[in-house]
Amino acid sequence: MSMVQAPPKDYISVQNLKVAYENGREALGGLSMDVGETEFVAVLGPSGCGKSTLLQVLSGLLPPSAGSAAIAGHDVTRVAGERLRVGYVFQDHRLLPWRSVRQNLEIVLAAAGVPRAEWPGRITKYLTMLQVEPYVDSWPMQLSGGQRQRVSIARALAVEPAVMLMDEPFSTLDEVTARVMRQQLSELWMARPGAVIFVTHSIREAVFLADRIVILTRGPATLLEEVVVPIGRPRRYEDPALTAVEAEIVDRVMAVWGDDQRPADTP
């Protein structure tokens, strides 16, 4: 099965992006990539290469040292000016434990400037979509790990963002729960296609979820290769085509990543 480079997309445009911290360590070394408006892109790279740094720049949390990053033509590196709504899902849920599930969603809706009259409908809609609406008045610590992460995804979706940024959101879950969550995420995206950048170091996870995989070098990250996943949806874990694409990616990246940075072949 061949790896075909995807045609360029420009809903999200990252050009020669560099990030260097005050201690002199470089996280991004001139990364360029693009994402389409309804494209699910996985960013794959070894641990510590700068994947999370990319999401921090795109969300406006971290200014780059050089280069540009734009979403729908809006420069996300500018301090002032209009900002698009961005949904951000972290490795852990980051729910406020002293606030109920409902209140956690209300906080982000208020911050995003969503009219208060729309809050109840959005909260019900997205908690129902993620199958956690019965827990709307529960405290986060009363929920399981999987339920808390479902609430975290519902919180990100509730602002109806221009783009979803997901930073290894299932890496702390047990494998059974993680598989269920990946399947649900894939189904949600099929029902509501939008721009998603999903960071992972798991090749299997990237192949299962993404339309296209952007593979990074070891840090400071630059673009190594782009791979189109030639498998239709819906996808099944048991599909041998997934294994074939996964194996081919492993062979291609090992020469660059090295054995000491061997990727997680099985999510």
C-alpha atoms as a PDB file:
ATOM      1  CA  MET A   1       0.000   0.000   0.000  1.00  0.00           C
ATOM      2  CA  SER A   2       1.606   3.251  -1.082  1.00  0.00           C
ATOM      3  CA  MET A   3       1.837   6.412   0.940  1.00  0.00           C
ATOM      4  CA  VAL A   4       0.601   9.319  -1.137  1.00  0.00           C
ATOM      5  CA  GLN A   5       1.298  12.870  -0.070  1.00  0.00           C
ATOM      6  CA  ALA A   6      -1.960  14.750   0.456  1.00  0.00           C
ATOM      7  CA  PRO A   7      -2.675  17.863  -1.574  1.00  0.00           C
ATOM      8  CA  PRO A   8      -2.166  21.080   0.415  1.00  0.00           C
ATOM      9  CA  LYS A   9      -5.085  22.418   2.431  1.00  0.00           C
ATOM     10  CA  ASP A  10      -5.228  25.913   3.855  1.00  0.00           C
ATOM     11  CA  TYR A  11      -8.084  26.328   6.333  1.00  0.00           C
ATOM     12  CA  ILE A  12      -5.366  25.982   8.960  1.00  0.00           C
ATOM     13  CA  SER A  13      -2.009  27.172   7.672  1.00  0.00           C
ATOM     14  CA  VAL A  14       1.268  26.808   9.562  1.00  0.00           C
ATOM     15  CA  GLN A  15       4.332  28.179   7.805  1.00  0.00           C
ATOM     16  CA  ASN A  16       7.947  27.846   8.983  1.00  0.00           C
ATOM     17  CA  LEU A  17       6.804  27.890  12.614  1.00  0.00           C
ATOM     18  CA  LYS A  18       9.574  28.094  15.206  1.00  0.00           C
ATOM     19  CA  VAL A  19       9.357  28.128  18.994  1.00  0.00           C
ATOM     20  CA  ALA A  20      12.345  28.569  21.296  1.00  0.00           C
ATOM     21  CA  TYR A  21      12.038  28.825  25.063  1.00  0.00           C
ATOM     22  CA  GLU A  22      13.978  31.208  27.313  1.00  0.00           C
ATOM     23  CA  ASN A  23      16.383  28.442  28.286  1.00  0.00           C
ATOM     24  CA  GLY A  24      17.381  28.153  24.629  1.00  0.00           C
ATOM     25  CA  ARG A  25      15.619  24.840  23.980  1.00  0.00           C
ATOM     26  CA  GLU A  26      13.883  24.694  20.616  1.00  0.00           C
ATOM     27  CA  ALA A  27      10.507  22.954  20.443  1.00  0.00           C
ATOM     28  CA  LEU A  28       9.605  23.638  16.807  1.00  0.00           C
ATOM     29  CA  GLY A  29      12.304  24.012  14.197  1.00  0.00           C
ATOM     30  CA  GLY A  30      10.486  25.514  11.213  1.00  0.00           C
ATOM     31  CA  LEU A  31       7.321  23.426  10.847  1.00  0.00           C
ATOM     32  CA  SER A  32       4.981  23.911   7.873  1.00  0.00           C
ATOM     33  CA  MET A  33       1.654  22.107   7.465  1.00  0.00           C
ATOM     34  CA  ASP A  34      -1.924  22.746   6.360  1.00  0.00           C
ATOM     35  CA  VAL A  35      -5.333  21.350   7.315  1.00  0.00           C
ATOM     36  CA  GLY A  36      -8.603  21.440   5.394  1.00  0.00           C
ATOM     37  CA  GLU A  37     -11.855  22.835   6.774  1.00  0.00           C
ATOM     38  CA  THR A  38     -13.459  19.393   7.191  1.00  0.00           C
ATOM     39  CA  GLU A  39     -10.301  17.344   7.574  1.00  0.00           C
ATOM     40  CA  PHE A  40      -9.268  15.154  10.519  1.00  0.00           C
ATOM     41  CA  VAL A  41      -5.472  15.336  10.738  1.00  0.00           C
ATOM     42  CA  ALA A  42      -3.350  13.424  13.224  1.00  0.00           C
ATOM     43  CA  VAL A  43       0.023  14.885  14.166  1.00  0.00           C
ATOM     44  CA  LEU A  44       2.330  11.979  14.913  1.00  0.00           C
ATOM     45  CA  GLY A  45       5.734  12.239  16.492  1.00  0.00           C
ATOM     46  CA  PRO A  46       7.991  10.855  19.215  1.00  0.00           C
ATOM     47  CA  SER A  47       7.593  12.012  22.801  1.00  0.00           C
ATOM     48  CA  GLY A  48       8.992  15.470  23.432  1.00  0.00           C
ATOM     49  CA  CYS A  49       9.297  16.505  19.789  1.00  0.00           C
ATOM     50  CA  GLY A  50       7.043  19.582  20.054  1.00  0.00           C
ATOM     51  CA  LYS A  51       3.553  18.270  19.211  1.00  0.00           C
ATOM     52  CA  SER A  52       1.853  19.912  22.192  1.00  0.00           C
ATOM     53  CA  THR A  53       3.751  23.145  21.522  1.00  0.00           C
ATOM     54  CA  LEU A  54       2.123  23.297  18.090  1.00  0.00           C
ATOM     55  CA  LEU A  55      -1.354  23.153  19.663  1.00  0.00           C
ATOM     56  CA  GLN A  56      -0.428  25.848  22.182  1.00  0.00           C
ATOM     57  CA  VAL A  57       0.553  28.174  19.344  1.00  0.00           C
ATOM     58  CA  LEU A  58      -2.620  27.435  17.361  1.00  0.00           C
ATOM     59  CA  SER A  59      -4.772  28.077  20.429  1.00  0.00           C
ATOM     60  CA  GLY A  60      -3.091  31.437  21.037  1.00  0.00           C
ATOM     61  CA  LEU A  61      -1.597  30.331  24.356  1.00  0.00           C
ATOM     62  CA  LEU A  62       2.023  30.528  23.199  1.00  0.00           C
ATOM     63  CA  PRO A  63       3.604  33.055  20.834  1.00  0.00           C
ATOM     64  CA  PRO A  64       6.025  31.622  18.270  1.00  0.00           C
ATOM     65  CA  SER A  65       9.594  32.805  17.863  1.00  0.00           C
ATOM     66  CA  ALA A  66       9.198  32.987  14.081  1.00  0.00           C
ATOM     67  CA  GLY A  67       6.863  31.912  11.302  1.00  0.00           C
ATOM     68  CA  SER A  68       3.099  32.183  10.996  1.00  0.00           C
ATOM     69  CA  ALA A  69      -0.051  30.306  11.979  1.00  0.00           C
ATOM     70  CA  ALA A  70      -3.542  31.119  10.742  1.00  0.00           C
ATOM     71  CA  ILE A  71      -7.042  29.645  10.987  1.00  0.00           C
ATOM     72  CA  ALA A  72      -9.505  30.642   8.265  1.00  0.00           C
ATOM     73  CA  GLY A  73      -7.247  33.547   7.396  1.00  0.00           C
ATOM     74  CA  HIS A  74      -7.042  34.827  10.993  1.00  0.00           C
ATOM     75  CA  ASP A  75      -3.516  35.189  12.377  1.00  0.00           C
ATOM     76  CA  VAL A  76      -3.656  33.280  15.677  1.00  0.00           C
ATOM     77  CA  THR A  77      -0.262  34.616  16.808  1.00  0.00           C
ATOM     78  CA  ARG A  78      -1.536  38.175  17.205  1.00  0.00           C
ATOM     79  CA  VAL A  79      -2.213  39.349  20.737  1.00  0.00           C
ATOM     80  CA  ALA A  80      -4.883  41.805  19.627  1.00  0.00           C
ATOM     81  CA  GLY A  81      -7.649  41.428  17.117  1.00  0.00           C
ATOM     82  CA  GLU A  82     -10.484  39.025  16.401  1.00  0.00           C
ATOM     83  CA  ARG A  83      -9.998  35.428  17.518  1.00  0.00           C
ATOM     84  CA  LEU A  84     -11.907  32.412  16.307  1.00  0.00           C
ATOM     85  CA  ARG A  85     -13.348  29.953  18.799  1.00  0.00           C
ATOM     86  CA  VAL A  86     -11.000  27.029  19.325  1.00  0.00           C
ATOM     87  CA  GLY A  87     -11.926  23.831  21.166  1.00  0.00           C
ATOM     88  CA  TYR A  88      -9.024  22.384  23.153  1.00  0.00           C
ATOM     89  CA  VAL A  89      -9.045  18.905  24.713  1.00  0.00           C
ATOM     90  CA  PHE A  90      -6.062  18.109  26.926  1.00  0.00           C
ATOM     91  CA  GLN A  91      -4.443  14.848  28.009  1.00  0.00           C
ATOM     92  CA  ASP A  92      -6.332  15.107  31.291  1.00  0.00           C
ATOM     93  CA  HIS A  93      -9.846  16.442  31.656  1.00  0.00           C
ATOM     94  CA  ARG A  94      -8.965  19.694  33.462  1.00  0.00           C
ATOM     95  CA  LEU A  95     -12.461  20.018  34.848  1.00  0.00           C
ATOM     96  CA  LEU A  96     -12.780  22.259  37.905  1.00  0.00           C
ATOM     97  CA  PRO A  97     -13.560  19.822  40.744  1.00  0.00           C
ATOM     98  CA  TRP A  98     -15.455  22.426  42.787  1.00  0.00           C
ATOM     99  CA  ARG A  99     -17.853  23.075  39.904  1.00  0.00           C
ATOM    100  CA  SER A 100     -20.571  20.777  38.622  1.00  0.00           C
ATOM    101  CA  VAL A 101     -20.489  19.398  35.094  1.00  0.00           C
ATOM    102  CA  ARG A 102     -23.050  22.036  34.080  1.00  0.00           C
ATOM    103  CA  GLN A 103     -20.996  24.827  35.644  1.00  0.00           C
ATOM    104  CA  ASN A 104     -17.808  23.658  33.923  1.00  0.00           C
ATOM    105  CA  LEU A 105     -19.515  24.047  30.552  1.00  0.00           C
ATOM    106  CA  GLU A 106     -21.066  27.382  31.522  1.00  0.00           C
ATOM    107  CA  ILE A 107     -17.612  28.799  32.245  1.00  0.00           C
ATOM    108  CA  VAL A 108     -16.321  28.156  28.721  1.00  0.00           C
ATOM    109  CA  LEU A 109     -19.586  29.300  27.124  1.00  0.00           C
ATOM    110  CA  ALA A 110     -19.307  32.596  28.997  1.00  0.00           C
ATOM    111  CA  ALA A 111     -15.641  32.988  28.063  1.00  0.00           C
ATOM    112  CA  ALA A 112     -16.480  32.361  24.403  1.00  0.00           C
ATOM    113  CA  GLY A 113     -19.183  35.037  24.429  1.00  0.00           C
ATOM    114  CA  VAL A 114     -22.036  32.641  23.715  1.00  0.00           C
ATOM    115  CA  PRO A 115     -25.368  34.307  24.576  1.00  0.00           C
ATOM    116  CA  ARG A 116     -26.691  33.042  27.912  1.00  0.00           C
ATOM    117  CA  ALA A 117     -30.019  32.087  26.341  1.00  0.00           C
ATOM    118  CA  GLU A 118     -28.191  29.435  24.293  1.00  0.00           C
ATOM    119  CA  TRP A 119     -26.410  27.796  27.226  1.00  0.00           C
ATOM    120  CA  PRO A 120     -29.082  25.268  28.330  1.00  0.00           C
ATOM    121  CA  GLY A 121     -29.645  23.983  24.806  1.00  0.00           C
ATOM    122  CA  ARG A 122     -25.942  23.630  24.049  1.00  0.00           C
ATOM    123  CA  ILE A 123     -25.193  21.944  27.364  1.00  0.00           C
ATOM    124  CA  THR A 124     -27.958  19.397  26.863  1.00  0.00           C
ATOM    125  CA  LYS A 125     -27.050  18.843  23.202  1.00  0.00           C
ATOM    126  CA  TYR A 126     -23.369  18.119  23.668  1.00  0.00           C
ATOM    127  CA  LEU A 127     -23.589  16.212  26.944  1.00  0.00           C
ATOM    128  CA  THR A 128     -26.250  14.023  25.314  1.00  0.00           C
ATOM    129  CA  MET A 129     -24.045  13.571  22.247  1.00  0.00           C
ATOM    130  CA  LEU A 130     -21.224  12.349  24.517  1.00  0.00           C
ATOM    131  CA  GLN A 131     -23.620  10.195  26.573  1.00  0.00           C
ATOM    132  CA  VAL A 132     -23.028  12.002  29.878  1.00  0.00           C
ATOM    133  CA  GLU A 133     -26.139  14.228  30.128  1.00  0.00           C
ATOM    134  CA  PRO A 134     -27.469  12.303  33.181  1.00  0.00           C
ATOM    135  CA  TYR A 135     -24.435  13.615  35.112  1.00  0.00           C
ATOM    136  CA  VAL A 136     -25.040  17.291  34.339  1.00  0.00           C
ATOM    137  CA  ASP A 137     -25.366  18.207  38.034  1.00  0.00           C
ATOM    138  CA  SER A 138     -22.661  15.824  39.283  1.00  0.00           C
ATOM    139  CA  TRP A 139     -19.231  16.812  40.537  1.00  0.00           C
ATOM    140  CA  PRO A 140     -16.363  15.767  38.233  1.00  0.00           C
ATOM    141  CA  MET A 141     -14.778  13.496  40.827  1.00  0.00           C
ATOM    142  CA  GLN A 142     -18.012  11.506  41.030  1.00  0.00           C
ATOM    143  CA  LEU A 143     -17.443  10.388  37.419  1.00  0.00           C
ATOM    144  CA  SER A 144     -15.164   7.738  35.978  1.00  0.00           C
ATOM    145  CA  GLY A 145     -12.076   8.717  33.987  1.00  0.00           C
ATOM    146  CA  GLY A 146     -13.831   8.009  30.708  1.00  0.00           C
ATOM    147  CA  GLN A 147     -16.890  10.018  31.730  1.00  0.00           C
ATOM    148  CA  ARG A 148     -14.739  12.990  32.735  1.00  0.00           C
ATOM    149  CA  GLN A 149     -12.995  12.935  29.368  1.00  0.00           C
ATOM    150  CA  ARG A 150     -16.367  12.760  27.612  1.00  0.00           C
ATOM    151  CA  VAL A 151     -17.393  15.891  29.529  1.00  0.00           C
ATOM    152  CA  SER A 152     -14.115  17.514  28.495  1.00  0.00           C
ATOM    153  CA  ILE A 153     -14.868  16.839  24.818  1.00  0.00           C
ATOM    154  CA  ALA A 154     -18.458  18.083  25.245  1.00  0.00           C
ATOM    155  CA  ARG A 155     -17.075  21.261  26.821  1.00  0.00           C
ATOM    156  CA  ALA A 156     -14.834  21.848  23.796  1.00  0.00           C
ATOM    157  CA  LEU A 157     -17.666  21.159  21.326  1.00  0.00           C
ATOM    158  CA  ALA A 158     -20.162  23.363  23.178  1.00  0.00           C
ATOM    159  CA  VAL A 159     -18.521  26.568  21.945  1.00  0.00           C
ATOM    160  CA  GLU A 160     -18.983  25.208  18.391  1.00  0.00           C
ATOM    161  CA  PRO A 161     -15.357  25.911  17.537  1.00  0.00           C
ATOM    162  CA  ALA A 162     -13.739  26.715  14.214  1.00  0.00           C
ATOM    163  CA  VAL A 163     -11.220  23.976  14.932  1.00  0.00           C
ATOM    164  CA  MET A 164     -10.758  21.209  17.506  1.00  0.00           C
ATOM    165  CA  LEU A 165      -7.301  20.744  19.012  1.00  0.00           C
ATOM    166  CA  MET A 166      -6.857  17.425  20.822  1.00  0.00           C
ATOM    167  CA  ASP A 167      -3.672  16.654  22.763  1.00  0.00           C
ATOM    168  CA  GLU A 168      -3.463  12.878  23.336  1.00  0.00           C
ATOM    169  CA  PRO A 169      -6.893  12.948  25.016  1.00  0.00           C
ATOM    170  CA  PHE A 170      -7.111   9.176  25.528  1.00  0.00           C
ATOM    171  CA  SER A 171      -3.555   8.481  26.666  1.00  0.00           C
ATOM    172  CA  THR A 172      -4.458   8.258  30.363  1.00  0.00           C
ATOM    173  CA  LEU A 173      -7.418   5.894  29.860  1.00  0.00           C
ATOM    174  CA  ASP A 174      -7.369   2.115  29.995  1.00  0.00           C
ATOM    175  CA  GLU A 175      -7.287   0.507  26.553  1.00  0.00           C
ATOM    176  CA  VAL A 176     -10.885  -0.726  26.567  1.00  0.00           C
ATOM    177  CA  THR A 177     -12.201   2.739  27.439  1.00  0.00           C
ATOM    178  CA  ALA A 178      -9.798   4.391  24.997  1.00  0.00           C
ATOM    179  CA  ARG A 179     -11.022   2.220  22.125  1.00  0.00           C
ATOM    180  CA  VAL A 180     -14.626   3.090  22.884  1.00  0.00           C
ATOM    181  CA  MET A 181     -13.731   6.777  23.019  1.00  0.00           C
ATOM    182  CA  ARG A 182     -11.854   6.656  19.706  1.00  0.00           C
ATOM    183  CA  GLN A 183     -14.834   4.975  18.068  1.00  0.00           C
ATOM    184  CA  GLN A 184     -17.216   7.581  19.485  1.00  0.00           C
ATOM    185  CA  LEU A 185     -14.955  10.430  18.397  1.00  0.00           C
ATOM    186  CA  SER A 186     -14.814   9.031  14.878  1.00  0.00           C
ATOM    187  CA  GLU A 187     -18.617   8.764  14.779  1.00  0.00           C
ATOM    188  CA  LEU A 188     -19.023  12.302  16.134  1.00  0.00           C
ATOM    189  CA  TRP A 189     -16.685  13.653  13.469  1.00  0.00           C
ATOM    190  CA  MET A 190     -18.556  11.796  10.718  1.00  0.00           C
ATOM    191  CA  ALA A 191     -21.825  13.343  11.935  1.00  0.00           C
ATOM    192  CA  ARG A 192     -20.299  16.824  12.264  1.00  0.00           C
ATOM    193  CA  PRO A 193     -17.199  17.101  10.041  1.00  0.00           C
ATOM    194  CA  GLY A 194     -14.837  19.905  10.947  1.00  0.00           C
ATOM    195  CA  ALA A 195     -11.159  20.722  11.196  1.00  0.00           C
ATOM    196  CA  VAL A 196      -9.484  18.538  13.835  1.00  0.00           C
ATOM    197  CA  ILE A 197      -5.820  18.374  14.778  1.00  0.00           C
ATOM    198  CA  PHE A 198      -5.263  15.306  16.937  1.00  0.00           C
ATOM    199  CA  VAL A 199      -1.829  14.937  18.541  1.00  0.00           C
ATOM    200  CA  THR A 200      -0.617  11.427  19.306  1.00  0.00           C
ATOM    201  CA  HIS A 201       2.508   9.261  19.502  1.00  0.00           C
ATOM    202  CA  SER A 202       0.435   6.152  18.715  1.00  0.00           C
ATOM    203  CA  ILE A 203       0.561   5.114  15.073  1.00  0.00           C
ATOM    204  CA  ARG A 204      -2.452   2.804  15.405  1.00  0.00           C
ATOM    205  CA  GLU A 205      -4.542   5.574  16.921  1.00  0.00           C
ATOM    206  CA  ALA A 206      -3.526   7.977  14.149  1.00  0.00           C
ATOM    207  CA  VAL A 207      -4.369   5.480  11.398  1.00  0.00           C
ATOM    208  CA  PHE A 208      -7.744   4.633  12.947  1.00  0.00           C
ATOM    209  CA  LEU A 209      -8.880   8.241  13.378  1.00  0.00           C
ATOM    210  CA  ALA A 210      -7.307  10.419  10.712  1.00  0.00           C
ATOM    211  CA  ASP A 211      -7.846  11.290   7.077  1.00  0.00           C
ATOM    212  CA  ARG A 212      -4.229  12.330   6.886  1.00  0.00           C
ATOM    213  CA  ILE A 213      -1.232  11.917   9.179  1.00  0.00           C
ATOM    214  CA  VAL A 214       1.422  14.609   9.548  1.00  0.00           C
ATOM    215  CA  ILE A 215       4.595  12.903  10.752  1.00  0.00           C
ATOM    216  CA  LEU A 216       7.150  15.017  12.595  1.00  0.00           C
ATOM    217  CA  THR A 217      10.870  14.570  13.099  1.00  0.00           C
ATOM    218  CA  ARG A 218      12.433  14.337  16.512  1.00  0.00           C
ATOM    219  CA  GLY A 219      12.537  17.714  18.254  1.00  0.00           C
ATOM    220  CA  PRO A 220      12.827  20.475  17.418  1.00  0.00           C
ATOM    221  CA  ALA A 221      10.053  19.280  15.141  1.00  0.00           C
ATOM    222  CA  THR A 222       9.887  19.803  11.410  1.00  0.00           C
ATOM    223  CA  LEU A 223       7.745  18.010   8.841  1.00  0.00           C
ATOM    224  CA  LEU A 224       9.028  14.545   7.977  1.00  0.00           C
ATOM    225  CA  GLU A 225       6.200  13.273   5.765  1.00  0.00           C
ATOM    226  CA  GLU A 226       2.453  13.423   5.174  1.00  0.00           C
ATOM    227  CA  VAL A 227       0.466  10.233   4.730  1.00  0.00           C
ATOM    228  CA  VAL A 228      -3.073   9.916   3.416  1.00  0.00           C
ATOM    229  CA  VAL A 229      -4.998   7.106   5.140  1.00  0.00           C
ATOM    230  CA  PRO A 230      -6.637   5.255   2.208  1.00  0.00           C
ATOM    231  CA  ILE A 231      -9.331   3.565   4.301  1.00  0.00           C
ATOM    232  CA  GLY A 232     -13.007   4.441   4.162  1.00  0.00           C
ATOM    233  CA  ARG A 233     -15.278   5.161   7.097  1.00  0.00           C
ATOM    234  CA  PRO A 234     -16.624   3.825   9.334  1.00  0.00           C
ATOM    235  CA  ARG A 235     -13.462   1.963  10.331  1.00  0.00           C
ATOM    236  CA  ARG A 236     -12.978  -1.229  12.325  1.00  0.00           C
ATOM    237  CA  TYR A 237     -10.024  -2.107  14.512  1.00  0.00           C
ATOM    238  CA  GLU A 238     -10.050  -5.586  12.985  1.00  0.00           C
ATOM    239  CA  ASP A 239      -9.526  -4.256   9.449  1.00  0.00           C
ATOM    240  CA  PRO A 240      -6.204  -5.669   8.140  1.00  0.00           C
ATOM    241  CA  ALA A 241      -5.791  -2.495   6.070  1.00  0.00           C
ATOM    242  CA  LEU A 242      -5.208  -0.578   9.313  1.00  0.00           C
ATOM    243  CA  THR A 243      -2.412  -2.953  10.259  1.00  0.00           C
ATOM    244  CA  ALA A 244      -0.850  -2.641   6.808  1.00  0.00           C
ATOM    245  CA  VAL A 245      -0.756   1.170   6.936  1.00  0.00           C
ATOM    246  CA  GLU A 246       0.529   1.081  10.511  1.00  0.00           C
ATOM    247  CA  ALA A 247       3.360  -1.294   9.615  1.00  0.00           C
ATOM    248  CA  GLU A 248       4.417   0.792   6.649  1.00  0.00           C
ATOM    249  CA  ILE A 249       4.571   3.962   8.741  1.00  0.00           C
ATOM    250  CA  VAL A 250       6.673   2.191  11.377  1.00  0.00           C
ATOM    251  CA  ASP A 251       9.167   1.144   8.715  1.00  0.00           C
ATOM    252  CA  ARG A 252       9.388   4.664   7.333  1.00  0.00           C
ATOM    253  CA  VAL A 253       9.834   6.564  10.603  1.00  0.00           C
ATOM    254  CA  MET A 254      12.237   4.297  12.451  1.00  0.00           C
ATOM    255  CA  ALA A 255      15.211   5.432  10.397  1.00  0.00           C
ATOM    256  CA  VAL A 256      14.552   8.994  11.565  1.00  0.00           C
ATOM    257  CA  TRP A 257      13.136   8.481  15.058  1.00  0.00           C
ATOM    258  CA  GLY A 258      15.529   5.703  16.099  1.00  0.00           C
ATOM    259  CA  ASP A 259      14.962   2.709  18.356  1.00  0.00           C
ATOM    260  CA  ASP A 260      15.178   4.806  21.517  1.00  0.00           C
ATOM    261  CA  GLN A 261      12.120   6.729  20.305  1.00  0.00           C
ATOM    262  CA  ARG A 262      10.142   3.741  19.037  1.00  0.00           C
ATOM    263  CA  PRO A 263       6.508   4.785  18.600  1.00  0.00           C
ATOM    264  CA  ALA A 264       3.583   3.166  20.330  1.00  0.00           C
ATOM    265  CA  ASP A 265       2.564   0.643  17.656  1.00  0.00           C
ATOM    266  CA  THR A 266      -0.570  -0.341  19.506  1.00  0.00           C
ATOM    267  CA  PRO A 267      -2.644   2.401  21.127  1.00  0.00           C
END
